[in-house]
Amino acid sequence: MTIEVDGKIFDEKNLSKEARIALENVNQLNKARDTLVLNLERNRILLSHYTNMVKKDVLKEKKEDKK
């Protein structure tokens, strides 16, 4: 696998053991970040959806109380 650093391409095979471990850690952290971002977006969408459901129900009750 090749990686790009500062516009230069390097072969992973030429990295030291420590650098390969660090690269794997970077990959895992990026994957974890992407998962968090995805979960936050899902949470935002669901929160908006359920909040709107509650608002509709509350407004419906207010209209019924006025009758």
Protein backbone atom coordinates (compact mmCIF):
# COMPACT_ATOMS: atom_id res chain seq x y z
CA MET A 1 0.00 0.00 0.00
CA THR A 2 1.20 3.49 -0.71
CA ILE A 3 0.58 6.59 1.36
CA GLU A 4 0.87 10.25 0.48
CA VAL A 5 2.59 12.64 2.87
CA ASP A 6 3.10 16.30 1.95
CA GLY A 7 2.44 15.52 -1.70
CA LYS A 8 5.01 12.72 -1.84
CA ILE A 9 4.08 9.06 -2.27
CA PHE A 10 5.72 6.43 -0.06
CA ASP A 11 5.50 2.66 -0.01
CA GLU A 12 4.24 1.40 3.33
CA LYS A 13 6.71 -1.49 3.12
CA ASN A 14 9.58 0.98 3.54
CA LEU A 15 8.25 2.36 6.80
CA SER A 16 9.69 1.36 10.15
CA LYS A 17 7.67 -0.97 12.37
CA GLU A 18 6.72 1.97 14.59
CA ALA A 19 5.57 4.03 11.61
CA ARG A 20 3.45 1.13 10.29
CA ILE A 21 1.83 0.79 13.71
CA ALA A 22 1.24 4.55 13.80
CA LEU A 23 -0.29 4.40 10.31
CA GLU A 24 -2.63 1.61 11.40
CA ASN A 25 -3.60 3.68 14.44
CA VAL A 26 -4.34 6.65 12.19
CA ASN A 27 -6.51 4.45 9.97
CA GLN A 28 -8.42 3.07 12.96
CA LEU A 29 -8.92 6.54 14.42
CA ASN A 30 -10.19 7.87 11.09
CA LYS A 31 -12.64 4.97 10.87
CA ALA A 32 -13.83 5.60 14.45
CA ARG A 33 -14.26 9.32 13.67
CA ASP A 34 -16.28 8.53 10.55
CA THR A 35 -18.52 6.21 12.57
CA LEU A 36 -19.05 8.92 15.20
CA VAL A 37 -19.91 11.50 12.54
CA LEU A 38 -22.40 9.09 10.97
CA ASN A 39 -24.00 8.32 14.33
CA LEU A 40 -24.22 12.03 15.18
CA GLU A 41 -25.96 12.73 11.87
CA ARG A 42 -28.42 9.87 12.45
CA ASN A 43 -29.04 11.22 15.95
CA ARG A 44 -29.68 14.73 14.58
CA ILE A 45 -32.18 13.41 12.04
CA LEU A 46 -34.02 11.21 14.54
CA LEU A 47 -34.06 13.95 17.18
CA SER A 48 -35.65 16.34 14.71
CA HIS A 49 -38.18 13.72 13.61
CA TYR A 50 -39.28 12.80 17.13
CA THR A 51 -39.33 16.42 18.29
CA ASN A 52 -41.67 17.24 15.42
CA MET A 53 -43.90 14.31 16.36
CA VAL A 54 -44.20 15.60 19.94
CA LYS A 55 -44.87 19.17 18.74
CA LYS A 56 -47.64 17.98 16.42
CA ASP A 57 -49.26 16.01 19.22
CA VAL A 58 -49.06 18.93 21.67
CA LEU A 59 -50.53 21.33 19.12
CA LYS A 60 -53.29 18.82 18.38
CA GLU A 61 -54.15 18.62 22.11
CA LYS A 62 -54.24 22.43 22.37
CA LYS A 63 -56.73 22.62 19.51
CA GLU A 64 -58.90 19.95 21.10
CA ASP A 65 -58.82 21.77 24.47
CA LYS A 66 -60.10 24.96 22.85
CA LYS A 67 -63.19 23.20 21.48
